[in-house]
Amino acid sequence: MDKIIIKDLAIDTYIGVTEAEQARPQRLLISVELERDLSAAGRADSEAATTPYDVVADMVRQVVTQRPRKLIEAVADEVAQVLLAHRLALNVTIEVKKFSVPGTQYVAVQITRGQ
């Protein structure tokens, strides 16, 4: 299956389990993989035959910043559900990176959901 990939979209939002984490916005890096047939877009070189990347990025930003959450798992699931509800892909893979554990480069969750 073909894929559209948006890698490490940086979004600041309120997230965390502890009060200290929730006291200030934290940076998340979100990667999105949209599985869909891109053959028509490739043949026609037509924007109308593909998924607009900027629209996907805006949807992700809106979901992530709409309200505080405790878990990056919840962020990943909600992003996946919104993208699938808009029928932008047959399957989506969402990875959310957070920079909250000292001594690590990051912690992350990755989920895959389908229609």
PDB file of N, CA and C in Angstrom:
ATOM      1  N   MET A   1       0.852  -1.190   0.000  1.00  0.00           N
ATOM      2  CA  MET A   1       0.000   0.000   0.000  1.00  0.00           C
ATOM      3  C   MET A   1       0.889   1.242   0.000  1.00  0.00           C
ATOM      4  N   ASP A   2       0.458   2.253  -0.709  1.00  0.00           N
ATOM      5  CA  ASP A   2       1.167   3.527  -0.773  1.00  0.00           C
ATOM      6  C   ASP A   2       0.985   4.277   0.549  1.00  0.00           C
ATOM      7  N   LYS A   3       1.884   5.222   0.802  1.00  0.00           N
ATOM      8  CA  LYS A   3       1.818   5.990   2.046  1.00  0.00           C
ATOM      9  C   LYS A   3       2.137   7.455   1.815  1.00  0.00           C
ATOM     10  N   ILE A   4       1.456   8.293   2.548  1.00  0.00           N
ATOM     11  CA  ILE A   4       1.829   9.688   2.734  1.00  0.00           C
ATOM     12  C   ILE A   4       2.364   9.778   4.150  1.00  0.00           C
ATOM     13  N   ILE A   5       3.524  10.391   4.319  1.00  0.00           N
ATOM     14  CA  ILE A   5       4.166  10.448   5.632  1.00  0.00           C
ATOM     15  C   ILE A   5       4.442  11.900   6.014  1.00  0.00           C
ATOM     16  N   ILE A   6       3.989  12.265   7.188  1.00  0.00           N
ATOM     17  CA  ILE A   6       4.336  13.546   7.802  1.00  0.00           C
ATOM     18  C   ILE A   6       5.170  13.191   9.020  1.00  0.00           C
ATOM     19  N   LYS A   7       6.408  13.628   9.051  1.00  0.00           N
ATOM     20  CA  LYS A   7       7.358  13.199  10.079  1.00  0.00           C
ATOM     21  C   LYS A   7       7.642  14.317  11.078  1.00  0.00           C
ATOM     22  N   ASP A   8       7.446  14.017  12.343  1.00  0.00           N
ATOM     23  CA  ASP A   8       7.833  14.889  13.460  1.00  0.00           C
ATOM     24  C   ASP A   8       7.243  16.300  13.386  1.00  0.00           C
ATOM     25  N   LEU A   9       5.938  16.374  13.241  1.00  0.00           N
ATOM     26  CA  LEU A   9       5.219  17.645  13.312  1.00  0.00           C
ATOM     27  C   LEU A   9       5.282  18.130  14.762  1.00  0.00           C
ATOM     28  N   ALA A  10       5.891  19.278  14.996  1.00  0.00           N
ATOM     29  CA  ALA A  10       6.077  19.801  16.354  1.00  0.00           C
ATOM     30  C   ALA A  10       4.838  20.574  16.801  1.00  0.00           C
ATOM     31  N   ILE A  11       4.307  20.169  17.963  1.00  0.00           N
ATOM     32  CA  ILE A  11       3.119  20.816  18.520  1.00  0.00           C
ATOM     33  C   ILE A  11       3.313  20.967  20.026  1.00  0.00           C
ATOM     34  N   ASP A  12       3.079  22.170  20.535  1.00  0.00           N
ATOM     35  CA  ASP A  12       3.124  22.409  21.974  1.00  0.00           C
ATOM     36  C   ASP A  12       1.714  22.283  22.527  1.00  0.00           C
ATOM     37  N   THR A  13       1.574  21.509  23.612  1.00  0.00           N
ATOM     38  CA  THR A  13       0.259  21.292  24.211  1.00  0.00           C
ATOM     39  C   THR A  13       0.410  20.950  25.686  1.00  0.00           C
ATOM     40  N   TYR A  14      -0.697  21.010  26.399  1.00  0.00           N
ATOM     41  CA  TYR A  14      -0.706  20.618  27.807  1.00  0.00           C
ATOM     42  C   TYR A  14      -0.961  19.122  27.895  1.00  0.00           C
ATOM     43  N   ILE A  15       0.000  18.408  28.465  1.00  0.00           N
ATOM     44  CA  ILE A  15      -0.109  16.959  28.581  1.00  0.00           C
ATOM     45  C   ILE A  15       0.712  16.494  29.772  1.00  0.00           C
ATOM     46  N   GLY A  16       0.217  15.485  30.463  1.00  0.00           N
ATOM     47  CA  GLY A  16       0.975  14.909  31.562  1.00  0.00           C
ATOM     48  C   GLY A  16       0.092  14.378  32.657  1.00  0.00           C
ATOM     49  N   VAL A  17       0.656  13.501  33.438  1.00  0.00           N
ATOM     50  CA  VAL A  17      -0.053  12.883  34.545  1.00  0.00           C
ATOM     51  C   VAL A  17       0.073  13.734  35.805  1.00  0.00           C
ATOM     52  N   THR A  18       1.252  14.280  36.040  1.00  0.00           N
ATOM     53  CA  THR A  18       1.478  15.042  37.269  1.00  0.00           C
ATOM     54  C   THR A  18       1.106  16.514  37.091  1.00  0.00           C
ATOM     55  N   GLU A  19       0.884  17.190  38.207  1.00  0.00           N
ATOM     56  CA  GLU A  19       0.592  18.628  38.153  1.00  0.00           C
ATOM     57  C   GLU A  19       1.757  19.401  37.556  1.00  0.00           C
ATOM     58  N   ALA A  20       2.970  18.978  37.865  1.00  0.00           N
ATOM     59  CA  ALA A  20       4.160  19.652  37.325  1.00  0.00           C
ATOM     60  C   ALA A  20       4.191  19.552  35.803  1.00  0.00           C
ATOM     61  N   GLU A  21       3.849  18.390  35.272  1.00  0.00           N
ATOM     62  CA  GLU A  21       3.819  18.238  33.809  1.00  0.00           C
ATOM     63  C   GLU A  21       2.726  19.095  33.189  1.00  0.00           C
ATOM     64  N   GLN A  22       1.591  19.167  33.857  1.00  0.00           N
ATOM     65  CA  GLN A  22       0.441  19.890  33.304  1.00  0.00           C
ATOM     66  C   GLN A  22       0.556  21.403  33.473  1.00  0.00           C
ATOM     67  N   ALA A  23       1.533  21.874  34.228  1.00  0.00           N
ATOM     68  CA  ALA A  23       1.661  23.298  34.533  1.00  0.00           C
ATOM     69  C   ALA A  23       2.137  24.133  33.354  1.00  0.00           C
ATOM     70  N   ARG A  24       2.793  23.502  32.396  1.00  0.00           N
ATOM     71  CA  ARG A  24       3.313  24.260  31.248  1.00  0.00           C
ATOM     72  C   ARG A  24       3.159  23.422  29.972  1.00  0.00           C
ATOM     73  N   PRO A  25       3.047  24.086  28.848  1.00  0.00           N
ATOM     74  CA  PRO A  25       2.954  23.319  27.591  1.00  0.00           C
ATOM     75  C   PRO A  25       4.228  22.505  27.359  1.00  0.00           C
ATOM     76  N   GLN A  26       4.067  21.356  26.768  1.00  0.00           N
ATOM     77  CA  GLN A  26       5.190  20.507  26.407  1.00  0.00           C
ATOM     78  C   GLN A  26       5.186  20.289  24.901  1.00  0.00           C
ATOM     79  N   ARG A  27       6.366  20.143  24.348  1.00  0.00           N
ATOM     80  CA  ARG A  27       6.503  19.890  22.923  1.00  0.00           C
ATOM     81  C   ARG A  27       6.318  18.400  22.650  1.00  0.00           C
ATOM     82  N   LEU A  28       5.460  18.079  21.681  1.00  0.00           N
ATOM     83  CA  LEU A  28       5.298  16.731  21.167  1.00  0.00           C
ATOM     84  C   LEU A  28       5.755  16.727  19.717  1.00  0.00           C
ATOM     85  N   LEU A  29       6.316  15.632  19.267  1.00  0.00           N
ATOM     86  CA  LEU A  29       6.584  15.423  17.853  1.00  0.00           C
ATOM     87  C   LEU A  29       5.663  14.309  17.388  1.00  0.00           C
ATOM     88  N   ILE A  30       4.867  14.599  16.382  1.00  0.00           N
ATOM     89  CA  ILE A  30       3.866  13.646  15.910  1.00  0.00           C
ATOM     90  C   ILE A  30       4.142  13.295  14.459  1.00  0.00           C
ATOM     91  N   SER A  31       4.231  11.997  14.216  1.00  0.00           N
ATOM     92  CA  SER A  31       4.407  11.487  12.858  1.00  0.00           C
ATOM     93  C   SER A  31       3.142  10.750  12.447  1.00  0.00           C
ATOM     94  N   VAL A  32       2.757  10.964  11.193  1.00  0.00           N
ATOM     95  CA  VAL A  32       1.531  10.387  10.657  1.00  0.00           C
ATOM     96  C   VAL A  32       1.866   9.646   9.365  1.00  0.00           C
ATOM     97  N   GLU A  33       1.398   8.416   9.252  1.00  0.00           N
ATOM     98  CA  GLU A  33       1.483   7.668   7.997  1.00  0.00           C
ATOM     99  C   GLU A  33       0.064   7.349   7.560  1.00  0.00           C
ATOM    100  N   LEU A  34      -0.275   7.798   6.372  1.00  0.00           N
ATOM    101  CA  LEU A  34      -1.599   7.548   5.791  1.00  0.00           C
ATOM    102  C   LEU A  34      -1.445   6.533   4.671  1.00  0.00           C
ATOM    103  N   GLU A  35      -2.047   5.366   4.829  1.00  0.00           N
ATOM    104  CA  GLU A  35      -2.005   4.357   3.778  1.00  0.00           C
ATOM    105  C   GLU A  35      -3.210   4.541   2.869  1.00  0.00           C
ATOM    106  N   ARG A  36      -2.907   4.759   1.591  1.00  0.00           N
ATOM    107  CA  ARG A  36      -3.966   4.903   0.589  1.00  0.00           C
ATOM    108  C   ARG A  36      -3.372   4.698  -0.788  1.00  0.00           C
ATOM    109  N   ASP A  37      -4.211   4.484  -1.746  1.00  0.00           N
ATOM    110  CA  ASP A  37      -3.768   4.298  -3.123  1.00  0.00           C
ATOM    111  C   ASP A  37      -3.421   5.667  -3.712  1.00  0.00           C
ATOM    112  N   LEU A  38      -2.175   5.819  -4.110  1.00  0.00           N
ATOM    113  CA  LEU A  38      -1.714   7.085  -4.689  1.00  0.00           C
ATOM    114  C   LEU A  38      -1.455   6.982  -6.187  1.00  0.00           C
ATOM    115  N   SER A  39      -1.871   5.876  -6.800  1.00  0.00           N
ATOM    116  CA  SER A  39      -1.567   5.682  -8.219  1.00  0.00           C
ATOM    117  C   SER A  39      -2.235   6.727  -9.107  1.00  0.00           C
ATOM    118  N   ALA A  40      -3.472   7.095  -8.819  1.00  0.00           N
ATOM    119  CA  ALA A  40      -4.158   8.102  -9.642  1.00  0.00           C
ATOM    120  C   ALA A  40      -3.459   9.459  -9.526  1.00  0.00           C
ATOM    121  N   ALA A  41      -3.030   9.803  -8.321  1.00  0.00           N
ATOM    122  CA  ALA A  41      -2.320  11.066  -8.123  1.00  0.00           C
ATOM    123  C   ALA A  41      -1.005  11.060  -8.887  1.00  0.00           C
ATOM    124  N   GLY A  42      -0.323   9.940  -8.870  1.00  0.00           N
ATOM    125  CA  GLY A  42       0.950   9.838  -9.586  1.00  0.00           C
ATOM    126  C   GLY A  42       0.777   9.929 -11.086  1.00  0.00           C
ATOM    127  N   ARG A  43      -0.239   9.262 -11.608  1.00  0.00           N
ATOM    128  CA  ARG A  43      -0.480   9.286 -13.062  1.00  0.00           C
ATOM    129  C   ARG A  43      -0.946  10.650 -13.541  1.00  0.00           C
ATOM    130  N   ALA A  44      -1.842  11.261 -12.776  1.00  0.00           N
ATOM    131  CA  ALA A  44      -2.466  12.511 -13.210  1.00  0.00           C
ATOM    132  C   ALA A  44      -1.707  13.759 -12.768  1.00  0.00           C
ATOM    133  N   ASP A  45      -0.787  13.608 -11.834  1.00  0.00           N
ATOM    134  CA  ASP A  45      -0.091  14.762 -11.259  1.00  0.00           C
ATOM    135  C   ASP A  45      -1.107  15.807 -10.814  1.00  0.00           C
ATOM    136  N   SER A  46      -2.155  15.302 -10.105  1.00  0.00           N
ATOM    137  CA  SER A  46      -3.277  16.149  -9.718  1.00  0.00           C
ATOM    138  C   SER A  46      -3.423  16.202  -8.206  1.00  0.00           C
ATOM    139  N   GLU A  47      -3.484  17.410  -7.685  1.00  0.00           N
ATOM    140  CA  GLU A  47      -3.688  17.607  -6.258  1.00  0.00           C
ATOM    141  C   GLU A  47      -4.996  17.000  -5.776  1.00  0.00           C
ATOM    142  N   ALA A  48      -6.008  17.046  -6.629  1.00  0.00           N
ATOM    143  CA  ALA A  48      -7.324  16.540  -6.262  1.00  0.00           C
ATOM    144  C   ALA A  48      -7.321  15.024  -6.052  1.00  0.00           C
ATOM    145  N   ALA A  49      -6.305  14.329  -6.546  1.00  0.00           N
ATOM    146  CA  ALA A  49      -6.256  12.869  -6.450  1.00  0.00           C
ATOM    147  C   ALA A  49      -5.476  12.378  -5.233  1.00  0.00           C
ATOM    148  N   THR A  50      -5.067  13.291  -4.371  1.00  0.00           N
ATOM    149  CA  THR A  50      -4.294  12.884  -3.195  1.00  0.00           C
ATOM    150  C   THR A  50      -4.870  13.536  -1.943  1.00  0.00           C
ATOM    151  N   THR A  51      -4.254  13.284  -0.826  1.00  0.00           N
ATOM    152  CA  THR A  51      -4.645  13.896   0.439  1.00  0.00           C
ATOM    153  C   THR A  51      -3.772  15.131   0.663  1.00  0.00           C
ATOM    154  N   PRO A  52      -4.373  16.300   0.857  1.00  0.00           N
ATOM    155  CA  PRO A  52      -3.581  17.517   1.062  1.00  0.00           C
ATOM    156  C   PRO A  52      -2.826  17.479   2.392  1.00  0.00           C
ATOM    157  N   TYR A  53      -1.516  17.550   2.320  1.00  0.00           N
ATOM    158  CA  TYR A  53      -0.664  17.429   3.508  1.00  0.00           C
ATOM    159  C   TYR A  53      -0.955  18.517   4.525  1.00  0.00           C
ATOM    160  N   ASP A  54      -1.175  19.739   4.049  1.00  0.00           N
ATOM    161  CA  ASP A  54      -1.414  20.845   4.976  1.00  0.00           C
ATOM    162  C   ASP A  54      -2.723  20.666   5.741  1.00  0.00           C
ATOM    163  N   VAL A  55      -3.712  20.089   5.090  1.00  0.00           N
ATOM    164  CA  VAL A  55      -4.993  19.822   5.753  1.00  0.00           C
ATOM    165  C   VAL A  55      -4.804  18.792   6.864  1.00  0.00           C
ATOM    166  N   VAL A  56      -4.034  17.746   6.580  1.00  0.00           N
ATOM    167  CA  VAL A  56      -3.756  16.725   7.590  1.00  0.00           C
ATOM    168  C   VAL A  56      -3.013  17.351   8.764  1.00  0.00           C
ATOM    169  N   ALA A  57      -1.983  18.125   8.495  1.00  0.00           N
ATOM    170  CA  ALA A  57      -1.207  18.761   9.567  1.00  0.00           C
ATOM    171  C   ALA A  57      -2.097  19.674  10.413  1.00  0.00           C
ATOM    172  N   ASP A  58      -2.972  20.434   9.778  1.00  0.00           N
ATOM    173  CA  ASP A  58      -3.882  21.317  10.527  1.00  0.00           C
ATOM    174  C   ASP A  58      -4.847  20.517  11.391  1.00  0.00           C
ATOM    175  N   MET A  59      -5.351  19.392  10.870  1.00  0.00           N
ATOM    176  CA  MET A  59      -6.258  18.543  11.648  1.00  0.00           C
ATOM    177  C   MET A  59      -5.541  17.987  12.874  1.00  0.00           C
ATOM    178  N   VAL A  60      -4.316  17.544  12.676  1.00  0.00           N
ATOM    179  CA  VAL A  60      -3.535  16.997  13.792  1.00  0.00           C
ATOM    180  C   VAL A  60      -3.328  18.084  14.849  1.00  0.00           C
ATOM    181  N   ARG A  61      -2.917  19.277  14.431  1.00  0.00           N
ATOM    182  CA  ARG A  61      -2.718  20.387  15.377  1.00  0.00           C
ATOM    183  C   ARG A  61      -3.995  20.674  16.170  1.00  0.00           C
ATOM    184  N   GLN A  62      -5.104  20.710  15.474  1.00  0.00           N
ATOM    185  CA  GLN A  62      -6.377  21.022  16.126  1.00  0.00           C
ATOM    186  C   GLN A  62      -6.731  19.961  17.171  1.00  0.00           C
ATOM    187  N   VAL A  63      -6.587  18.695  16.830  1.00  0.00           N
ATOM    188  CA  VAL A  63      -6.901  17.623  17.778  1.00  0.00           C
ATOM    189  C   VAL A  63      -5.992  17.707  19.002  1.00  0.00           C
ATOM    190  N   VAL A  64      -4.708  17.884  18.771  1.00  0.00           N
ATOM    191  CA  VAL A  64      -3.729  17.843  19.859  1.00  0.00           C
ATOM    192  C   VAL A  64      -3.900  19.012  20.824  1.00  0.00           C
ATOM    193  N   THR A  65      -4.265  20.176  20.318  1.00  0.00           N
ATOM    194  CA  THR A  65      -4.344  21.367  21.164  1.00  0.00           C
ATOM    195  C   THR A  65      -5.748  21.671  21.684  1.00  0.00           C
ATOM    196  N   GLN A  66      -6.732  20.867  21.328  1.00  0.00           N
ATOM    197  CA  GLN A  66      -8.106  21.205  21.709  1.00  0.00           C
ATOM    198  C   GLN A  66      -8.383  21.098  23.198  1.00  0.00           C
ATOM    199  N   ARG A  67      -7.617  20.246  23.908  1.00  0.00           N
ATOM    200  CA  ARG A  67      -7.818  20.113  25.349  1.00  0.00           C
ATOM    201  C   ARG A  67      -6.615  19.410  25.974  1.00  0.00           C
ATOM    202  N   PRO A  68      -6.408  19.609  27.267  1.00  0.00           N
ATOM    203  CA  PRO A  68      -5.312  18.896  27.941  1.00  0.00           C
ATOM    204  C   PRO A  68      -5.607  17.396  28.030  1.00  0.00           C
ATOM    205  N   ARG A  69      -4.543  16.612  28.045  1.00  0.00           N
ATOM    206  CA  ARG A  69      -4.668  15.162  28.215  1.00  0.00           C
ATOM    207  C   ARG A  69      -3.576  14.693  29.165  1.00  0.00           C
ATOM    208  N   LYS A  70      -3.782  13.496  29.699  1.00  0.00           N
ATOM    209  CA  LYS A  70      -2.771  12.891  30.556  1.00  0.00           C
ATOM    210  C   LYS A  70      -1.757  12.101  29.743  1.00  0.00           C
ATOM    211  N   LEU A  71      -2.227  11.353  28.758  1.00  0.00           N
ATOM    212  CA  LEU A  71      -1.395  10.357  28.090  1.00  0.00           C
ATOM    213  C   LEU A  71      -1.193  10.628  26.603  1.00  0.00           C
ATOM    214  N   ILE A  72       0.022  10.346  26.129  1.00  0.00           N
ATOM    215  CA  ILE A  72       0.271  10.442  24.691  1.00  0.00           C
ATOM    216  C   ILE A  72      -0.473   9.336  23.946  1.00  0.00           C
ATOM    217  N   GLU A  73      -0.824   8.261  24.637  1.00  0.00           N
ATOM    218  CA  GLU A  73      -1.647   7.218  24.019  1.00  0.00           C
ATOM    219  C   GLU A  73      -3.001   7.780  23.596  1.00  0.00           C
ATOM    220  N   ALA A  74      -3.573   8.643  24.426  1.00  0.00           N
ATOM    221  CA  ALA A  74      -4.860   9.265  24.101  1.00  0.00           C
ATOM    222  C   ALA A  74      -4.722  10.203  22.908  1.00  0.00           C
ATOM    223  N   VAL A  75      -3.621  10.943  22.854  1.00  0.00           N
ATOM    224  CA  VAL A  75      -3.368  11.832  21.715  1.00  0.00           C
ATOM    225  C   VAL A  75      -3.310  11.013  20.426  1.00  0.00           C
ATOM    226  N   ALA A  76      -2.524   9.951  20.430  1.00  0.00           N
ATOM    227  CA  ALA A  76      -2.369   9.126  19.234  1.00  0.00           C
ATOM    228  C   ALA A  76      -3.707   8.549  18.784  1.00  0.00           C
ATOM    229  N   ASP A  77      -4.480   8.025  19.725  1.00  0.00           N
ATOM    230  CA  ASP A  77      -5.762   7.417  19.369  1.00  0.00           C
ATOM    231  C   ASP A  77      -6.737   8.441  18.794  1.00  0.00           C
ATOM    232  N   GLU A  78      -6.807   9.614  19.409  1.00  0.00           N
ATOM    233  CA  GLU A  78      -7.741  10.626  18.918  1.00  0.00           C
ATOM    234  C   GLU A  78      -7.342  11.150  17.538  1.00  0.00           C
ATOM    235  N   VAL A  79      -6.066  11.340  17.306  1.00  0.00           N
ATOM    236  CA  VAL A  79      -5.611  11.765  15.976  1.00  0.00           C
ATOM    237  C   VAL A  79      -5.994  10.713  14.938  1.00  0.00           C
ATOM    238  N   ALA A  80      -5.741   9.455  15.236  1.00  0.00           N
ATOM    239  CA  ALA A  80      -6.074   8.375  14.303  1.00  0.00           C
ATOM    240  C   ALA A  80      -7.570   8.352  14.002  1.00  0.00           C
ATOM    241  N   GLN A  81      -8.386   8.471  15.035  1.00  0.00           N
ATOM    242  CA  GLN A  81      -9.842   8.418  14.843  1.00  0.00           C
ATOM    243  C   GLN A  81     -10.343   9.567  13.958  1.00  0.00           C
ATOM    244  N   VAL A  82      -9.810  10.759  14.173  1.00  0.00           N
ATOM    245  CA  VAL A  82     -10.241  11.913  13.371  1.00  0.00           C
ATOM    246  C   VAL A  82      -9.844  11.734  11.905  1.00  0.00           C
ATOM    247  N   LEU A  83      -8.615  11.315  11.659  1.00  0.00           N
ATOM    248  CA  LEU A  83      -8.166  11.136  10.271  1.00  0.00           C
ATOM    249  C   LEU A  83      -8.968  10.047   9.564  1.00  0.00           C
ATOM    250  N   LEU A  84      -9.270   8.967  10.270  1.00  0.00           N
ATOM    251  CA  LEU A  84     -10.073   7.894   9.677  1.00  0.00           C
ATOM    252  C   LEU A  84     -11.519   8.337   9.461  1.00  0.00           C
ATOM    253  N   ALA A  85     -12.062   9.105  10.390  1.00  0.00           N
ATOM    254  CA  ALA A  85     -13.436   9.593  10.253  1.00  0.00           C
ATOM    255  C   ALA A  85     -13.598  10.485   9.026  1.00  0.00           C
ATOM    256  N   HIS A  86     -12.536  11.197   8.659  1.00  0.00           N
ATOM    257  CA  HIS A  86     -12.571  12.050   7.469  1.00  0.00           C
ATOM    258  C   HIS A  86     -12.186  11.270   6.204  1.00  0.00           C
ATOM    259  N   ARG A  87     -11.999   9.976   6.341  1.00  0.00           N
ATOM    260  CA  ARG A  87     -11.691   9.079   5.224  1.00  0.00           C
ATOM    261  C   ARG A  87     -10.469   9.532   4.422  1.00  0.00           C
ATOM    262  N   LEU A  88      -9.443   9.963   5.149  1.00  0.00           N
ATOM    263  CA  LEU A  88      -8.218  10.409   4.499  1.00  0.00           C
ATOM    264  C   LEU A  88      -7.265   9.263   4.191  1.00  0.00           C
ATOM    265  N   ALA A  89      -7.572   8.069   4.727  1.00  0.00           N
ATOM    266  CA  ALA A  89      -6.707   6.909   4.501  1.00  0.00           C
ATOM    267  C   ALA A  89      -7.482   5.648   4.856  1.00  0.00           C
ATOM    268  N   LEU A  90      -6.963   4.525   4.361  1.00  0.00           N
ATOM    269  CA  LEU A  90      -7.522   3.226   4.733  1.00  0.00           C
ATOM    270  C   LEU A  90      -7.000   2.793   6.100  1.00  0.00           C
ATOM    271  N   ASN A  91      -5.731   3.086   6.338  1.00  0.00           N
ATOM    272  CA  ASN A  91      -5.075   2.802   7.613  1.00  0.00           C
ATOM    273  C   ASN A  91      -4.198   3.992   7.967  1.00  0.00           C
ATOM    274  N   VAL A  92      -4.064   4.234   9.262  1.00  0.00           N
ATOM    275  CA  VAL A  92      -3.174   5.292   9.719  1.00  0.00           C
ATOM    276  C   VAL A  92      -2.257   4.736  10.801  1.00  0.00           C
ATOM    277  N   THR A  93      -1.022   5.211  10.786  1.00  0.00           N
ATOM    278  CA  THR A  93      -0.089   4.938  11.865  1.00  0.00           C
ATOM    279  C   THR A  93       0.309   6.279  12.448  1.00  0.00           C
ATOM    280  N   ILE A  94       0.177   6.386  13.757  1.00  0.00           N
ATOM    281  CA  ILE A  94       0.479   7.631  14.460  1.00  0.00           C
ATOM    282  C   ILE A  94       1.565   7.333  15.486  1.00  0.00           C
ATOM    283  N   GLU A  95       2.609   8.158  15.483  1.00  0.00           N
ATOM    284  CA  GLU A  95       3.644   8.072  16.508  1.00  0.00           C
ATOM    285  C   GLU A  95       3.701   9.414  17.221  1.00  0.00           C
ATOM    286  N   VAL A  96       3.687   9.366  18.550  1.00  0.00           N
ATOM    287  CA  VAL A  96       3.756  10.574  19.362  1.00  0.00           C
ATOM    288  C   VAL A  96       4.980  10.456  20.263  1.00  0.00           C
ATOM    289  N   LYS A  97       5.880  11.441  20.154  1.00  0.00           N
ATOM    290  CA  LYS A  97       7.091  11.492  20.975  1.00  0.00           C
ATOM    291  C   LYS A  97       6.939  12.596  22.012  1.00  0.00           C
ATOM    292  N   LYS A  98       7.410  12.281  23.230  1.00  0.00           N
ATOM    293  CA  LYS A  98       7.361  13.226  24.343  1.00  0.00           C
ATOM    294  C   LYS A  98       8.736  13.242  25.003  1.00  0.00           C
ATOM    295  N   PHE A  99       9.113  14.382  25.538  1.00  0.00           N
ATOM    296  CA  PHE A  99      10.465  14.570  26.083  1.00  0.00           C
ATOM    297  C   PHE A  99      10.397  14.805  27.591  1.00  0.00           C
ATOM    298  N   SER A 100       9.967  13.781  28.319  1.00  0.00           N
ATOM    299  CA  SER A 100       9.688  13.973  29.741  1.00  0.00           C
ATOM    300  C   SER A 100      10.479  13.076  30.679  1.00  0.00           C
ATOM    301  N   VAL A 101      11.191  12.104  30.159  1.00  0.00           N
ATOM    302  CA  VAL A 101      11.929  11.184  31.025  1.00  0.00           C
ATOM    303  C   VAL A 101      13.416  11.540  30.958  1.00  0.00           C
ATOM    304  N   PRO A 102      13.956  12.041  32.061  1.00  0.00           N
ATOM    305  CA  PRO A 102      15.378  12.404  32.071  1.00  0.00           C
ATOM    306  C   PRO A 102      16.262  11.216  31.685  1.00  0.00           C
ATOM    307  N   GLY A 103      17.311  11.512  30.946  1.00  0.00           N
ATOM    308  CA  GLY A 103      18.248  10.483  30.527  1.00  0.00           C
ATOM    309  C   GLY A 103      17.844   9.742  29.269  1.00  0.00           C
ATOM    310  N   THR A 104      16.724  10.143  28.659  1.00  0.00           N
ATOM    311  CA  THR A 104      16.300   9.521  27.398  1.00  0.00           C
ATOM    312  C   THR A 104      16.225  10.582  26.313  1.00  0.00           C
ATOM    313  N   GLN A 105      16.339  10.134  25.083  1.00  0.00           N
ATOM    314  CA  GLN A 105      16.140  11.055  23.966  1.00  0.00           C
ATOM    315  C   GLN A 105      14.662  11.452  23.900  1.00  0.00           C
ATOM    316  N   TYR A 106      13.778  10.475  24.062  1.00  0.00           N
ATOM    317  CA  TYR A 106      12.334  10.705  24.118  1.00  0.00           C
ATOM    318  C   TYR A 106      11.647   9.404  24.507  1.00  0.00           C
ATOM    319  N   VAL A 107      10.377   9.499  24.849  1.00  0.00           N
ATOM    320  CA  VAL A 107       9.504   8.337  24.974  1.00  0.00           C
ATOM    321  C   VAL A 107       8.460   8.481  23.880  1.00  0.00           C
ATOM    322  N   ALA A 108       7.923   7.359  23.410  1.00  0.00           N
ATOM    323  CA  ALA A 108       6.977   7.426  22.307  1.00  0.00           C
ATOM    324  C   ALA A 108       5.976   6.285  22.368  1.00  0.00           C
ATOM    325  N   VAL A 109       4.841   6.537  21.741  1.00  0.00           N
ATOM    326  CA  VAL A 109       3.882   5.470  21.451  1.00  0.00           C
ATOM    327  C   VAL A 109       3.636   5.497  19.949  1.00  0.00           C
ATOM    328  N   GLN A 110       3.352   4.328  19.412  1.00  0.00           N
ATOM    329  CA  GLN A 110       2.998   4.222  17.990  1.00  0.00           C
ATOM    330  C   GLN A 110       1.811   3.285  17.882  1.00  0.00           C
ATOM    331  N   ILE A 111       0.763   3.751  17.200  1.00  0.00           N
ATOM    332  CA  ILE A 111      -0.428   2.928  17.008  1.00  0.00           C
ATOM    333  C   ILE A 111      -0.762   2.870  15.533  1.00  0.00           C
ATOM    334  N   THR A 112      -1.455   1.815  15.139  1.00  0.00           N
ATOM    335  CA  THR A 112      -1.981   1.679  13.790  1.00  0.00           C
ATOM    336  C   THR A 112      -3.456   1.345  13.897  1.00  0.00           C
ATOM    337  N   ARG A 113      -4.253   2.085  13.151  1.00  0.00           N
ATOM    338  CA  ARG A 113      -5.705   1.865  13.137  1.00  0.00           C
ATOM    339  C   ARG A 113      -6.179   1.831  11.688  1.00  0.00           C
ATOM    340  N   GLY A 114      -7.283   1.124  11.448  1.00  0.00           N
ATOM    341  CA  GLY A 114      -7.804   1.027  10.093  1.00  0.00           C
ATOM    342  C   GLY A 114      -9.292   1.250  10.020  1.00  0.00           C
ATOM    343  N   GLN A 115      -9.772   1.399   8.794  1.00  0.00           N
ATOM    344  CA  GLN A 115     -11.209   1.601   8.543  1.00  0.00           C
ATOM    345  C   GLN A 115     -11.990   0.374   8.962  1.00  0.00           C
TER     346      GLN A 115
END
